[in-house]
C-alpha atoms as a PDB file:
ATOM      1  CA  MET A   1       0.687  22.030 -90.422  1.00  0.00           C
ATOM      2  CA  ILE A   2       2.432  19.371 -92.531  1.00  0.00           C
ATOM      3  CA  SER A   3       5.748  20.153 -90.862  1.00  0.00           C
ATOM      4  CA  ASP A   4       4.161  19.684 -87.422  1.00  0.00           C
ATOM      5  CA  VAL A   5       2.821  16.259 -88.442  1.00  0.00           C
ATOM      6  CA  ASN A   6       6.214  15.238 -89.835  1.00  0.00           C
ATOM      7  CA  SER A   7       7.925  16.383 -86.641  1.00  0.00           C
ATOM      8  CA  TYR A   8       5.461  14.411 -84.522  1.00  0.00           C
ATOM      9  CA  GLN A   9       5.998  11.301 -86.632  1.00  0.00           C
ATOM     10  CA  GLN A  10       9.777  11.630 -86.315  1.00  0.00           C
ATOM     11  CA  HIS A  11       9.523  11.959 -82.540  1.00  0.00           C
ATOM     12  CA  LEU A  12       7.205   8.944 -82.396  1.00  0.00           C
ATOM     13  CA  VAL A  13       9.570   6.824 -84.509  1.00  0.00           C
ATOM     14  CA  GLY A  14      12.466   7.865 -82.293  1.00  0.00           C
ATOM     15  CA  PHE A  15      10.558   7.038 -79.129  1.00  0.00           C
ATOM     16  CA  CYS A  16       9.524   3.605 -80.466  1.00  0.00           C
ATOM     17  CA  SER A  17      13.115   2.883 -81.440  1.00  0.00           C
ATOM     18  CA  ILE A  18      14.378   3.717 -77.938  1.00  0.00           C
ATOM     19  CA  LEU A  19      11.559   1.692 -76.357  1.00  0.00           C
ATOM     20  CA  SER A  20      12.322  -1.321 -78.562  1.00  0.00           C
ATOM     21  CA  GLN A  21      15.986  -1.201 -77.599  1.00  0.00           C
ATOM     22  CA  LYS A  22      15.123  -0.964 -73.900  1.00  0.00           C
ATOM     23  CA  LEU A  23      12.771  -3.932 -74.257  1.00  0.00           C
ATOM     24  CA  ARG A  24      15.495  -5.985 -75.941  1.00  0.00           C
ATOM     25  CA  ASN A  25      17.924  -5.038 -73.162  1.00  0.00           C
ATOM     26  CA  TYR A  26      15.354  -6.052 -70.535  1.00  0.00           C
ATOM     27  CA  ARG A  27      14.742  -9.418 -72.190  1.00  0.00           C
ATOM     28  CA  ASP A  28      18.476 -10.069 -72.464  1.00  0.00           C
ATOM     29  CA  ALA A  29      18.942  -9.261 -68.779  1.00  0.00           C
ATOM     30  CA  GLU A  30      15.943 -11.439 -67.855  1.00  0.00           C
ATOM     31  CA  ARG A  31      17.376 -14.388 -69.785  1.00  0.00           C
ATOM     32  CA  ARG A  32      20.697 -14.034 -67.950  1.00  0.00           C
ATOM     33  CA  LEU A  33      18.981 -13.749 -64.549  1.00  0.00           C
ATOM     34  CA  ASP A  34      16.697 -16.703 -65.242  1.00  0.00           C
ATOM     35  CA  ARG A  35      19.703 -19.011 -65.216  1.00  0.00           C
ATOM     36  CA  PHE A  36      19.868 -18.321 -61.473  1.00  0.00           C
ATOM     37  CA  LEU A  37      16.371 -17.114 -60.475  1.00  0.00           C
ATOM     38  CA  SER A  38      13.901 -18.852 -62.874  1.00  0.00           C
ATOM     39  CA  THR A  39      11.656 -15.782 -62.672  1.00  0.00           C
ATOM     40  CA  GLY A  40       9.015 -17.291 -64.968  1.00  0.00           C
ATOM     41  CA  PHE A  41       8.592 -20.492 -62.960  1.00  0.00           C
ATOM     42  CA  ASN A  42       5.635 -21.053 -60.635  1.00  0.00           C
ATOM     43  CA  VAL A  43       4.909 -24.559 -59.376  1.00  0.00           C
ATOM     44  CA  PHE A  44       1.178 -23.809 -59.248  1.00  0.00           C
ATOM     45  CA  ARG A  45       1.067 -23.364 -63.038  1.00  0.00           C
ATOM     46  CA  LEU A  46       2.153 -26.995 -63.311  1.00  0.00           C
ATOM     47  CA  ILE A  47      -0.138 -28.566 -60.714  1.00  0.00           C
ATOM     48  CA  GLN A  48      -3.201 -26.298 -61.303  1.00  0.00           C
ATOM     49  CA  PRO A  49      -4.746 -27.061 -57.884  1.00  0.00           C
ATOM     50  CA  ASP A  50      -8.458 -27.719 -57.608  1.00  0.00           C
ATOM     51  CA  GLU A  51     -10.593 -26.926 -54.565  1.00  0.00           C
ATOM     52  CA  ASN A  52      -9.485 -30.043 -52.667  1.00  0.00           C
ATOM     53  CA  LEU A  53      -5.789 -29.399 -53.204  1.00  0.00           C
ATOM     54  CA  LEU A  54      -6.178 -25.756 -52.173  1.00  0.00           C
ATOM     55  CA  SER A  55      -7.867 -26.950 -48.974  1.00  0.00           C
ATOM     56  CA  ASP A  56      -5.030 -29.461 -48.428  1.00  0.00           C
ATOM     57  CA  ILE A  57      -2.487 -26.644 -48.697  1.00  0.00           C
ATOM     58  CA  ILE A  58      -4.408 -24.341 -46.333  1.00  0.00           C
ATOM     59  CA  ALA A  59      -4.769 -27.165 -43.789  1.00  0.00           C
ATOM     60  CA  ASP A  60      -1.037 -27.910 -43.926  1.00  0.00           C
ATOM     61  CA  LEU A  61      -0.148 -24.238 -43.459  1.00  0.00           C
ATOM     62  CA  LEU A  62      -2.413 -24.010 -40.403  1.00  0.00           C
ATOM     63  CA  ASP A  63      -1.091 -27.205 -38.834  1.00  0.00           C
ATOM     64  CA  PRO A  64       1.756 -26.481 -36.357  1.00  0.00           C
ATOM     65  CA  ALA A  65       3.064 -29.955 -37.238  1.00  0.00           C
ATOM     66  CA  GLY A  66       2.785 -29.265 -40.983  1.00  0.00           C
ATOM     67  CA  SER A  67       5.505 -29.790 -43.568  1.00  0.00           C
ATOM     68  CA  HIS A  68       6.541 -26.126 -43.390  1.00  0.00           C
ATOM     69  CA  GLY A  69       8.338 -26.612 -40.060  1.00  0.00           C
ATOM     70  CA  GLN A  70       7.332 -23.161 -38.778  1.00  0.00           C
ATOM     71  CA  GLU A  71       5.189 -24.496 -35.922  1.00  0.00           C
ATOM     72  CA  CYS A  72       2.453 -21.955 -34.953  1.00  0.00           C
ATOM     73  CA  ALA A  73       3.721 -18.965 -36.957  1.00  0.00           C
ATOM     74  CA  PHE A  74       1.293 -19.310 -39.877  1.00  0.00           C
ATOM     75  CA  LEU A  75      -1.587 -20.365 -37.633  1.00  0.00           C
ATOM     76  CA  ASN A  76      -1.176 -17.348 -35.354  1.00  0.00           C
ATOM     77  CA  SER A  77      -1.169 -15.029 -38.360  1.00  0.00           C
ATOM     78  CA  PHE A  78      -4.394 -16.637 -39.603  1.00  0.00           C
ATOM     79  CA  LEU A  79      -5.983 -16.326 -36.155  1.00  0.00           C
ATOM     80  CA  ASN A  80      -5.236 -12.605 -36.273  1.00  0.00           C
ATOM     81  CA  LEU A  81      -6.851 -12.443 -39.717  1.00  0.00           C
ATOM     82  CA  VAL A  82     -10.088 -14.024 -38.464  1.00  0.00           C
ATOM     83  CA  GLU A  83      -9.961 -12.114 -35.155  1.00  0.00           C
ATOM     84  CA  GLN A  84      -9.688 -15.132 -32.858  1.00  0.00           C
ATOM     85  CA  HIS A  85      -7.059 -13.583 -30.624  1.00  0.00           C
ATOM     86  CA  GLU A  86      -7.852 -15.737 -27.591  1.00  0.00           C
ATOM     87  CA  LEU A  87      -6.430 -18.741 -29.467  1.00  0.00           C
ATOM     88  CA  LEU A  88      -3.052 -17.138 -30.165  1.00  0.00           C
ATOM     89  CA  GLY A  89      -0.221 -19.340 -28.976  1.00  0.00           C
ATOM     90  CA  ARG A  90      -2.429 -22.408 -28.594  1.00  0.00           C
ATOM     91  CA  ARG A  91      -1.918 -25.578 -30.599  1.00  0.00           C
ATOM     92  CA  PRO A  92      -4.973 -27.426 -31.916  1.00  0.00           C
ATOM     93  CA  THR A  93      -5.390 -30.977 -30.684  1.00  0.00           C
ATOM     94  CA  ALA A  94      -6.270 -31.980 -34.263  1.00  0.00           C
ATOM     95  CA  VAL A  95      -6.325 -30.509 -37.781  1.00  0.00           C
ATOM     96  CA  VAL A  96      -8.866 -32.488 -39.799  1.00  0.00           C
ATOM     97  CA  ARG A  97      -9.578 -32.409 -43.523  1.00  0.00           C
ATOM     98  CA  GLU A  98     -13.203 -33.039 -44.502  1.00  0.00           C
ATOM     99  CA  GLY A  99     -14.348 -33.764 -40.985  1.00  0.00           C
ATOM    100  CA  ALA A 100     -17.817 -35.319 -40.899  1.00  0.00           C
ATOM    101  CA  THR A 101     -20.644 -33.475 -39.156  1.00  0.00           C
ATOM    102  CA  GLY A 102     -21.493 -36.017 -36.478  1.00  0.00           C
ATOM    103  CA  TYR A 103     -24.016 -33.934 -34.519  1.00  0.00           C
ATOM    104  CA  ILE A 104     -26.713 -33.447 -37.181  1.00  0.00           C
ATOM    105  CA  GLU A 105     -28.963 -35.737 -39.197  1.00  0.00           C
ATOM    106  CA  ARG A 106     -27.293 -34.878 -42.515  1.00  0.00           C
ATOM    107  CA  SER A 107     -24.112 -36.699 -41.505  1.00  0.00           C
ATOM    108  CA  TYR A 108     -22.801 -36.726 -45.088  1.00  0.00           C
ATOM    109  CA  ARG A 109     -21.759 -33.084 -44.658  1.00  0.00           C
ATOM    110  CA  ARG A 110     -17.995 -32.616 -44.507  1.00  0.00           C
ATOM    111  CA  ILE A 111     -16.494 -29.230 -43.717  1.00  0.00           C
ATOM    112  CA  ASP A 112     -13.204 -28.654 -45.539  1.00  0.00           C
ATOM    113  CA  VAL A 113     -10.888 -28.022 -42.565  1.00  0.00           C
ATOM    114  CA  THR A 114     -11.504 -28.284 -38.819  1.00  0.00           C
ATOM    115  CA  LEU A 115      -9.072 -27.061 -36.176  1.00  0.00           C
ATOM    116  CA  ASP A 116     -10.120 -28.628 -32.883  1.00  0.00           C
ATOM    117  CA  PHE A 117      -8.734 -26.817 -29.833  1.00  0.00           C
ATOM    118  CA  GLY A 118     -10.671 -29.021 -27.421  1.00  0.00           C
ATOM    119  CA  ASP A 119     -12.875 -26.299 -25.950  1.00  0.00           C
ATOM    120  CA  PHE A 120     -13.059 -24.340 -29.212  1.00  0.00           C
ATOM    121  CA  GLY A 121     -13.650 -25.253 -32.841  1.00  0.00           C
ATOM    122  CA  LEU A 122     -12.481 -23.407 -35.956  1.00  0.00           C
ATOM    123  CA  GLY A 123     -14.214 -24.636 -39.097  1.00  0.00           C
ATOM    124  CA  ILE A 124     -13.100 -23.548 -42.557  1.00  0.00           C
ATOM    125  CA  GLU A 125     -15.252 -23.916 -45.657  1.00  0.00           C
ATOM    126  CA  ASN A 126     -13.321 -23.198 -48.855  1.00  0.00           C
ATOM    127  CA  LYS A 127     -15.372 -22.048 -51.862  1.00  0.00           C
ATOM    128  CA  PRO A 128     -12.960 -20.816 -54.543  1.00  0.00           C
ATOM    129  CA  TRP A 129     -15.413 -21.586 -57.383  1.00  0.00           C
ATOM    130  CA  ALA A 130     -18.427 -23.652 -56.295  1.00  0.00           C
ATOM    131  CA  GLY A 131     -21.558 -22.279 -54.701  1.00  0.00           C
ATOM    132  CA  ASP A 132     -23.226 -23.549 -51.525  1.00  0.00           C
ATOM    133  CA  GLN A 133     -25.252 -26.722 -51.311  1.00  0.00           C
ATOM    134  CA  PRO A 134     -28.756 -26.270 -49.817  1.00  0.00           C
ATOM    135  CA  GLU A 135     -28.543 -25.619 -46.049  1.00  0.00           C
ATOM    136  CA  GLN A 136     -24.795 -26.265 -46.080  1.00  0.00           C
ATOM    137  CA  LEU A 137     -23.630 -23.439 -43.781  1.00  0.00           C
ATOM    138  CA  ASN A 138     -26.735 -23.841 -41.608  1.00  0.00           C
ATOM    139  CA  ASP A 139     -25.755 -27.481 -41.086  1.00  0.00           C
ATOM    140  CA  TYR A 140     -22.171 -26.564 -40.166  1.00  0.00           C
ATOM    141  CA  HIS A 141     -23.510 -23.971 -37.745  1.00  0.00           C
ATOM    142  CA  SER A 142     -25.833 -26.511 -36.107  1.00  0.00           C
ATOM    143  CA  ASP A 143     -23.081 -29.109 -35.868  1.00  0.00           C
ATOM    144  CA  PHE A 144     -20.517 -26.754 -34.316  1.00  0.00           C
ATOM    145  CA  THR A 145     -23.133 -25.336 -31.917  1.00  0.00           C
ATOM    146  CA  LYS A 146     -23.939 -28.822 -30.626  1.00  0.00           C
ATOM    147  CA  LYS A 147     -20.269 -29.711 -30.303  1.00  0.00           C
ATOM    148  CA  TYR A 148     -18.775 -26.429 -28.994  1.00  0.00           C
ATOM    149  CA  ASP A 149     -21.835 -24.447 -27.790  1.00  0.00           C
ATOM    150  CA  THR A 150     -20.882 -20.802 -28.534  1.00  0.00           C
ATOM    151  CA  ARG A 151     -17.118 -21.403 -28.590  1.00  0.00           C
ATOM    152  CA  PHE A 152     -16.528 -21.752 -32.306  1.00  0.00           C
ATOM    153  CA  CYS A 153     -15.879 -19.752 -35.445  1.00  0.00           C
ATOM    154  CA  LEU A 154     -16.802 -20.666 -39.000  1.00  0.00           C
ATOM    155  CA  VAL A 155     -14.485 -19.228 -41.661  1.00  0.00           C
ATOM    156  CA  TYR A 156     -16.058 -18.962 -45.116  1.00  0.00           C
ATOM    157  CA  ILE A 157     -13.473 -18.409 -47.856  1.00  0.00           C
ATOM    158  CA  THR A 158     -14.511 -17.194 -51.318  1.00  0.00           C
ATOM    159  CA  PRO A 159     -12.816 -15.174 -54.086  1.00  0.00           C
ATOM    160  CA  ASN A 160     -14.267 -11.841 -52.905  1.00  0.00           C
ATOM    161  CA  GLY A 161     -15.462 -12.521 -49.345  1.00  0.00           C
ATOM    162  CA  ARG A 162     -19.134 -12.904 -50.250  1.00  0.00           C
ATOM    163  CA  ARG A 163     -21.711 -14.082 -47.739  1.00  0.00           C
ATOM    164  CA  PRO A 164     -22.953 -17.700 -47.833  1.00  0.00           C
ATOM    165  CA  SER A 165     -26.168 -18.298 -49.750  1.00  0.00           C
ATOM    166  CA  SER A 166     -27.110 -21.268 -47.528  1.00  0.00           C
ATOM    167  CA  MET A 167     -27.641 -19.131 -44.412  1.00  0.00           C
ATOM    168  CA  ALA A 168     -30.170 -16.356 -43.751  1.00  0.00           C
ATOM    169  CA  ASP A 169     -28.881 -12.789 -43.495  1.00  0.00           C
ATOM    170  CA  PRO A 170     -30.082 -12.192 -39.886  1.00  0.00           C
ATOM    171  CA  LEU A 171     -28.140 -15.252 -38.695  1.00  0.00           C
ATOM    172  CA  ILE A 172     -25.084 -14.207 -40.711  1.00  0.00           C
ATOM    173  CA  GLU A 173     -25.155 -10.756 -39.142  1.00  0.00           C
ATOM    174  CA  ASP A 174     -25.582 -12.190 -35.636  1.00  0.00           C
ATOM    175  CA  LEU A 175     -22.688 -14.645 -36.065  1.00  0.00           C
ATOM    176  CA  ILE A 176     -20.383 -11.974 -37.458  1.00  0.00           C
ATOM    177  CA  ARG A 177     -21.294  -9.599 -34.648  1.00  0.00           C
ATOM    178  CA  ASN A 178     -20.399 -12.297 -32.102  1.00  0.00           C
ATOM    179  CA  HIS A 179     -17.188 -13.332 -33.913  1.00  0.00           C
ATOM    180  CA  ARG A 180     -18.537 -16.768 -34.795  1.00  0.00           C
ATOM    181  CA  LEU A 181     -18.437 -16.248 -38.567  1.00  0.00           C
ATOM    182  CA  ARG A 182     -15.727 -14.627 -40.660  1.00  0.00           C
ATOM    183  CA  LEU A 183     -16.053 -13.949 -44.384  1.00  0.00           C
ATOM    184  CA  VAL A 184     -12.594 -14.172 -45.921  1.00  0.00           C
ATOM    185  CA  SER A 185     -11.567 -13.373 -49.507  1.00  0.00           C
ATOM    186  CA  TYR A 186      -8.818 -14.940 -51.560  1.00  0.00           C
ATOM    187  CA  ARG A 187      -7.960 -11.368 -52.469  1.00  0.00           C
ATOM    188  CA  PRO A 188      -6.916  -9.429 -50.619  1.00  0.00           C
ATOM    189  CA  ASP A 189      -7.238 -11.469 -47.389  1.00  0.00           C
ATOM    190  CA  LEU A 190      -5.483 -14.765 -48.192  1.00  0.00           C
ATOM    191  CA  GLU A 191      -3.004 -13.005 -50.467  1.00  0.00           C
ATOM    192  CA  GLN A 192      -1.991 -10.675 -47.620  1.00  0.00           C
ATOM    193  CA  TRP A 193      -1.906 -13.581 -45.151  1.00  0.00           C
ATOM    194  CA  LEU A 194       0.543 -15.432 -47.405  1.00  0.00           C
ATOM    195  CA  GLN A 195       2.690 -12.321 -47.703  1.00  0.00           C
ATOM    196  CA  THR A 196       2.809 -12.147 -43.898  1.00  0.00           C
ATOM    197  CA  CYS A 197       3.686 -15.854 -43.785  1.00  0.00           C
ATOM    198  CA  CYS A 198       6.581 -15.142 -46.161  1.00  0.00           C
ATOM    199  CA  GLN A 199       7.922 -12.571 -43.707  1.00  0.00           C
ATOM    200  CA  LEU A 200       7.543 -14.985 -40.786  1.00  0.00           C
ATOM    201  CA  CYS A 201       9.026 -17.994 -42.574  1.00  0.00           C
ATOM    202  CA  SER A 202      12.598 -18.957 -41.652  1.00  0.00           C
ATOM    203  CA  SER A 203      12.911 -21.514 -44.465  1.00  0.00           C
ATOM    204  CA  ASP A 204      14.091 -20.173 -47.821  1.00  0.00           C
ATOM    205  CA  LYS A 205      12.788 -23.298 -49.552  1.00  0.00           C
ATOM    206  CA  PHE A 206       9.277 -22.913 -48.154  1.00  0.00           C
ATOM    207  CA  ARG A 207       9.277 -19.141 -48.602  1.00  0.00           C
ATOM    208  CA  TRP A 208       9.485 -19.641 -52.376  1.00  0.00           C
ATOM    209  CA  PHE A 209       6.469 -21.962 -52.177  1.00  0.00           C
ATOM    210  CA  LEU A 210       4.500 -19.291 -50.305  1.00  0.00           C
ATOM    211  CA  ARG A 211       5.428 -16.694 -52.908  1.00  0.00           C
ATOM    212  CA  ASP A 212       4.306 -18.999 -55.707  1.00  0.00           C
ATOM    213  CA  PHE A 213       1.024 -19.614 -53.863  1.00  0.00           C
ATOM    214  CA  ALA A 214       0.431 -15.874 -53.435  1.00  0.00           C
ATOM    215  CA  ASP A 215       1.218 -15.251 -57.123  1.00  0.00           C
ATOM    216  CA  HIS A 216      -1.155 -18.072 -58.095  1.00  0.00           C
ATOM    217  CA  ILE A 217      -3.957 -16.436 -56.103  1.00  0.00           C
ATOM    218  CA  VAL A 218      -3.332 -13.134 -57.897  1.00  0.00           C
ATOM    219  CA  GLU A 219      -3.524 -14.905 -61.276  1.00  0.00           C
ATOM    220  CA  ARG A 220      -6.580 -17.059 -60.530  1.00  0.00           C
ATOM    221  CA  PHE A 221      -8.653 -14.533 -58.570  1.00  0.00           C
ATOM    222  CA  PRO A 222      -8.414 -11.116 -60.255  1.00  0.00           C
ATOM    223  CA  ILE A 223     -10.135  -8.251 -58.463  1.00  0.00           C
ATOM    224  CA  SER A 224     -12.865  -6.669 -60.578  1.00  0.00           C
ATOM    225  CA  PRO A 225     -12.156  -2.997 -61.401  1.00  0.00           C
ATOM    226  CA  ILE A 226     -15.868  -2.309 -60.904  1.00  0.00           C
ATOM    227  CA  MET A 227     -16.563  -4.248 -57.715  1.00  0.00           C
ATOM    228  CA  GLY A 228     -13.804  -4.389 -55.117  1.00  0.00           C
ATOM    229  CA  ALA A 229     -12.823  -7.490 -53.208  1.00  0.00           C
ATOM    230  CA  ASN A 230     -14.958  -6.694 -50.175  1.00  0.00           C
ATOM    231  CA  ASP A 231     -18.141  -5.271 -51.708  1.00  0.00           C
ATOM    232  CA  ASP A 232     -20.298  -8.292 -50.785  1.00  0.00           C
ATOM    233  CA  ARG A 233     -19.026  -8.538 -47.255  1.00  0.00           C
ATOM    234  CA  ILE A 234     -20.785  -7.791 -44.009  1.00  0.00           C
ATOM    235  CA  GLU A 235     -18.463  -6.257 -41.460  1.00  0.00           C
END
């Protein structure tokens, strides 16, 4: 019995010694590579974007005239994500940040991003951390209905794709069924969208930005091992 314990301890010490050497070798190789690749750098760790900056970035990615220079590539990928295939290939007449709701009494409402296609409106409300204000999504729905009739889609972005608390379930279900509301998660939906954008991007410089953004989403929005990313969603 004692000999078995001693043998086990010797094997364990040997294994730990090999593992320690491999770890040292890995760290040495990483230090050499970092001179050229900077593997530990992520611009989002420096800027720590809040909700407004995240919305600014999303709006720029969706704008064919955005700083990325990729025209409609990222927008078309997003339109596929939210199942608005009839808009593929079209350019919005305007991409507006915090557009005021001009068709309802509560005119102080401002939806985060609006893509105006003239005869169709795509409204994006970004909720990475905050909850809804009272009647918020109902107000956006009323405003877009008055402006676009039935030709609109509201995109509600949250960490796990949850449903809005400021809209009744029967209306949510009706809007989803008619493709006028999409519940989008940071993970996996936006993460996968950014990975697709990386594949579509022809600019090496901007591709690194997209990778940093995707990595930032993974760090800031971990998926619970108990509840998956889509558990609160209505399909």
